[in-house]
Protein backbone atom coordinates (compact mmCIF):
# COMPACT_ATOMS: atom_id res chain seq x y z
CA UNK A 1 149.57 66.95 144.61
CA UNK A 2 152.75 66.89 146.13
CA UNK A 3 156.15 68.39 145.55
CA UNK A 4 158.66 67.18 148.00
CA UNK A 5 159.63 64.90 144.96
CA UNK A 6 159.63 67.51 141.75
CA UNK A 7 162.58 68.87 140.42
CA UNK A 8 161.90 72.26 139.42
CA UNK A 9 161.93 73.32 135.96
CA UNK A 10 159.52 76.74 133.90
CA UNK A 11 157.37 73.92 133.04
CA UNK A 12 157.00 72.29 136.54
CA UNK A 13 156.18 75.97 137.51
CA UNK A 14 153.11 76.85 135.55
CA UNK A 15 151.75 73.60 136.22
CA UNK A 16 152.39 74.74 139.76
CA UNK A 17 150.42 78.11 139.35
CA UNK A 18 147.42 76.29 137.88
CA UNK A 19 147.50 74.37 140.85
CA UNK A 20 147.45 76.83 143.02
CA UNK A 21 144.60 78.90 140.90
CA UNK A 22 142.46 75.78 141.43
CA UNK A 23 143.03 76.50 145.08
CA UNK A 24 141.37 79.59 144.98
CA UNK A 25 137.95 80.88 146.82
CA UNK A 26 136.56 83.28 145.51
CA UNK A 27 134.93 84.83 148.05
CA UNK A 28 138.36 84.37 150.61
CA UNK A 29 139.40 86.71 148.20
CA UNK A 30 137.36 89.52 149.14
CA UNK A 31 137.54 88.70 152.76
CA UNK A 32 141.66 88.90 152.58
CA UNK A 33 142.00 92.10 149.98
CA UNK A 34 140.01 93.94 152.37
CA UNK A 35 142.22 92.93 155.36
CA UNK A 36 144.94 93.21 153.02
CA UNK A 37 144.91 96.66 151.02
CA UNK A 38 148.48 96.47 149.82
CA UNK A 39 150.78 94.79 147.60
CA UNK A 40 150.23 92.51 144.59
CA UNK A 41 147.34 90.61 143.48
CA UNK A 42 146.12 87.98 145.50
CA UNK A 43 143.73 84.28 144.47
CA UNK A 44 142.26 83.49 147.96
CA UNK A 45 143.63 80.20 149.22
CA UNK A 46 143.77 79.87 153.02
CA UNK A 47 146.71 79.97 155.24
CA UNK A 48 146.67 77.02 156.45
CA UNK A 49 146.92 75.50 152.72
CA UNK A 50 150.03 77.36 151.78
CA UNK A 51 151.98 76.40 155.31
CA UNK A 52 151.36 72.84 154.20
CA UNK A 53 152.50 73.28 150.52
CA UNK A 54 155.66 75.18 151.55
CA UNK A 55 156.62 72.52 154.05
CA UNK A 56 155.83 69.93 151.20
CA UNK A 57 158.02 71.70 148.84
CA UNK A 58 160.61 72.67 151.57
CA UNK A 59 161.62 68.55 151.45
CA UNK A 60 162.53 68.22 148.50
CA UNK A 61 164.38 70.79 145.43
CA UNK A 62 163.26 73.59 147.34
CA UNK A 63 166.29 75.63 145.84
CA UNK A 64 165.67 75.70 142.22
CA UNK A 65 161.54 76.24 142.92
CA UNK A 66 163.02 79.19 144.66
CA UNK A 67 165.48 80.58 141.33
CA UNK A 68 162.38 79.81 139.50
CA UNK A 69 159.54 81.70 141.53
CA UNK A 70 158.40 84.65 140.17
CA UNK A 71 157.01 86.44 143.19
CA UNK A 72 154.18 88.26 141.02
CA UNK A 73 151.40 87.21 143.20
CA UNK A 74 150.54 87.44 147.05
CA UNK A 75 150.71 83.63 147.14
CA UNK A 76 153.51 83.22 145.18
CA UNK A 77 155.69 85.80 147.63
CA UNK A 78 154.45 84.40 150.64
CA UNK A 79 155.24 80.45 149.80
CA UNK A 80 159.06 81.85 148.82
CA UNK A 81 159.31 83.56 152.49
CA UNK A 82 157.60 79.93 154.03
CA UNK A 83 159.87 77.78 151.75
CA UNK A 84 163.05 79.79 153.49
CA UNK A 85 161.34 79.29 156.87
CA UNK A 86 160.91 75.75 156.75
CA UNK A 87 163.41 74.63 154.34
CA UNK A 88 167.01 72.59 156.19
CA UNK A 89 169.32 74.89 155.95
CA UNK A 90 172.68 77.14 157.25
CA UNK A 91 171.24 79.76 159.39
CA UNK A 92 173.68 81.70 156.99
CA UNK A 93 172.17 80.24 153.93
CA UNK A 94 168.58 81.26 155.32
CA UNK A 95 170.07 85.26 155.72
CA UNK A 96 170.81 85.11 152.48
CA UNK A 97 167.70 83.97 151.38
CA UNK A 98 165.76 86.46 153.19
CA UNK A 99 168.54 89.19 152.13
CA UNK A 100 166.74 88.46 148.53
CA UNK A 101 162.97 88.23 150.08
CA UNK A 102 162.62 90.92 151.99
CA UNK A 103 162.36 93.87 149.35
CA UNK A 104 159.39 91.86 148.15
CA UNK A 105 157.37 92.23 151.18
CA UNK A 106 154.19 94.67 150.27
CA UNK A 107 151.77 94.21 152.72
CA UNK A 108 152.04 93.16 156.33
CA UNK A 109 150.58 90.28 156.38
CA UNK A 110 153.34 88.00 154.17
CA UNK A 111 155.70 89.89 156.72
CA UNK A 112 154.03 88.65 159.93
CA UNK A 113 153.31 85.11 158.82
CA UNK A 114 157.04 84.83 157.36
CA UNK A 115 158.33 86.28 160.82
CA UNK A 116 156.35 83.91 162.91
CA UNK A 117 157.32 80.81 161.23
CA UNK A 118 161.05 81.61 160.75
CA UNK A 119 161.93 79.64 163.77
CA UNK A 120 165.16 79.47 163.48
CA UNK A 121 165.72 82.64 164.99
CA UNK A 122 165.00 81.48 168.13
CA UNK A 123 167.76 78.76 168.11
CA UNK A 124 170.48 81.90 166.72
CA UNK A 125 169.33 84.43 168.40
CA UNK A 126 172.81 86.28 168.83
CA UNK A 127 173.73 85.62 164.29
CA UNK A 128 170.17 86.98 163.92
CA UNK A 129 170.40 90.17 165.78
CA UNK A 130 173.15 91.26 164.02
CA UNK A 131 170.83 91.17 160.83
CA UNK A 132 168.00 92.31 162.49
CA UNK A 133 169.74 95.56 163.04
CA UNK A 134 170.78 96.07 159.66
CA UNK A 135 166.76 95.50 158.84
CA UNK A 136 165.45 98.30 161.18
CA UNK A 137 168.29 100.73 159.49
CA UNK A 138 166.84 100.13 156.69
CA UNK A 139 164.89 102.73 154.46
CA UNK A 140 162.21 100.36 153.36
CA UNK A 141 159.61 100.33 155.99
CA UNK A 142 158.77 96.80 155.45
CA UNK A 143 162.34 95.74 156.14
CA UNK A 144 161.60 97.52 159.54
CA UNK A 145 158.45 96.19 160.56
CA UNK A 146 159.89 92.77 159.59
CA UNK A 147 162.80 93.32 162.01
CA UNK A 148 160.34 94.85 164.86
CA UNK A 149 158.01 91.57 164.24
CA UNK A 150 161.37 89.59 164.37
CA UNK A 151 162.16 91.14 168.02
CA UNK A 152 158.33 90.50 169.25
CA UNK A 153 158.30 87.15 168.69
CA UNK A 154 162.06 85.61 169.07
CA UNK A 155 163.97 88.12 171.49
CA UNK A 156 161.53 89.30 174.28
CA UNK A 157 163.36 87.23 176.95
CA UNK A 158 166.02 87.84 179.92
CA UNK A 159 169.23 87.79 177.83
CA UNK A 160 167.66 90.30 175.34
CA UNK A 161 164.80 92.94 176.66
CA UNK A 162 167.09 95.55 177.30
CA UNK A 163 168.14 95.78 173.82
CA UNK A 164 164.84 95.37 172.55
CA UNK A 165 163.84 98.43 174.40
CA UNK A 166 166.49 100.05 173.56
CA UNK A 167 166.03 99.13 169.42
CA UNK A 168 162.45 100.12 169.72
CA UNK A 169 163.23 103.56 171.32
CA UNK A 170 165.95 103.98 167.67
CA UNK A 171 162.78 103.29 165.42
CA UNK A 172 161.71 107.00 163.77
CA UNK A 173 159.47 106.17 160.96
CA UNK A 174 156.29 108.13 159.89
CA UNK A 175 155.28 104.70 158.17
CA UNK A 176 151.81 103.72 159.63
CA UNK A 177 152.75 99.43 159.89
CA UNK A 178 155.94 100.27 161.03
CA UNK A 179 154.72 102.18 164.23
CA UNK A 180 152.06 99.93 164.89
CA UNK A 181 154.25 96.82 164.74
CA UNK A 182 156.75 99.28 167.35
CA UNK A 183 153.49 99.55 169.22
CA UNK A 184 152.58 96.27 169.29
CA UNK A 185 156.20 94.99 170.57
CA UNK A 186 156.15 97.67 173.33
CA UNK A 187 152.86 96.17 174.34
CA UNK A 188 153.99 92.51 174.51
CA UNK A 189 157.59 93.99 176.46
CA UNK A 190 154.99 95.16 179.03
CA UNK A 191 153.54 92.24 179.45
CA UNK A 192 156.39 90.13 180.13
CA UNK A 193 158.31 92.80 181.74
CA UNK A 194 156.30 95.39 183.38
CA UNK A 195 158.77 96.92 185.29
CA UNK A 196 160.72 97.14 182.52
CA UNK A 197 158.28 98.67 180.18
CA UNK A 198 156.66 101.03 182.21
CA UNK A 199 160.00 102.51 182.96
CA UNK A 200 160.59 103.02 179.54
CA UNK A 201 157.19 103.93 178.61
CA UNK A 202 158.35 106.97 181.08
CA UNK A 203 161.69 107.66 179.60
CA UNK A 204 160.84 106.93 175.61
CA UNK A 205 161.40 109.48 172.53
CA UNK A 206 159.61 107.57 170.44
CA UNK A 207 156.72 109.41 168.89
CA UNK A 208 153.05 110.49 170.46
CA UNK A 209 151.47 108.45 167.95
CA UNK A 210 153.10 105.25 168.74
CA UNK A 211 153.61 105.77 171.81
CA UNK A 212 149.64 106.06 172.82
CA UNK A 213 148.79 103.29 170.74
CA UNK A 214 151.14 101.51 173.01
CA UNK A 215 149.83 101.68 175.90
CA UNK A 216 146.26 101.45 174.13
CA UNK A 217 147.33 97.97 173.09
CA UNK A 218 148.46 97.12 176.87
CA UNK A 219 145.39 98.09 177.83
CA UNK A 220 143.41 95.94 175.79
CA UNK A 221 144.95 92.55 177.20
CA UNK A 222 143.49 90.96 179.41
CA UNK A 223 146.61 90.08 181.44
CA UNK A 224 146.72 93.73 182.32
CA UNK A 225 144.94 94.62 185.88
CA UNK A 226 142.29 97.02 186.43
CA UNK A 227 144.40 99.20 188.64
CA UNK A 228 147.52 98.81 186.06
CA UNK A 229 145.52 100.26 183.33
CA UNK A 230 144.53 102.97 185.75
CA UNK A 231 148.28 104.01 186.13
CA UNK A 232 149.04 103.43 182.16
CA UNK A 233 146.43 106.07 181.77
CA UNK A 234 148.90 108.32 183.50
CA UNK A 235 151.45 108.14 181.24
CA UNK A 236 149.74 109.42 178.41
CA UNK A 237 151.91 112.30 177.09
CA UNK A 238 148.30 114.50 177.25
CA UNK A 239 147.10 112.90 180.44
CA UNK A 240 145.60 115.98 183.00
CA UNK A 241 144.36 115.00 186.19
């Protein structure tokens, strides 16, 4: 089924939902449900298939598709985000769509898959960073994770590493998925900028759980030497020599 020549209306969208139902795999749905504990019901459609569908939709009448997408289930929410990421539009338009989309995020999978698809942040880092600041200051934990995962994917570079570490340090949240994202972010900063991140770990005021999880994730990396892993243990706040 192709979607790039459809002028979307409610009838087309209902047929589209029926098509999505036909792609569902019961065994995959059960597997996926074990990994994604939060959020709306899911059909069990593999992500590469949804990526292909979104790419096809984004080449056509994507604005009407987005306007009638009810985002009632996992796949519909994910497709909305993926179409935003893939469609040809100005960066300003993309940010406007994201402002509407982010409140619908209700699990880590949608959050992270859409973030890794938003390649335009690589080309518009300065403008994108302004929005990331607002995401990180939100009361919505998924908005905060969205900002952190964008930083992880597009801002760990010579220009922004100091900013990334500064933003990481300001995160204060008791939400598991926020703390996990921050620990993940710090671990990748260490892989790419060991000296700066080591100095950060010695000075940061982030909570103990995130701090120790970041060290654990760094030590799990095959790109970190045995000697470095031993030194990292000594940075733990509960370390006793």
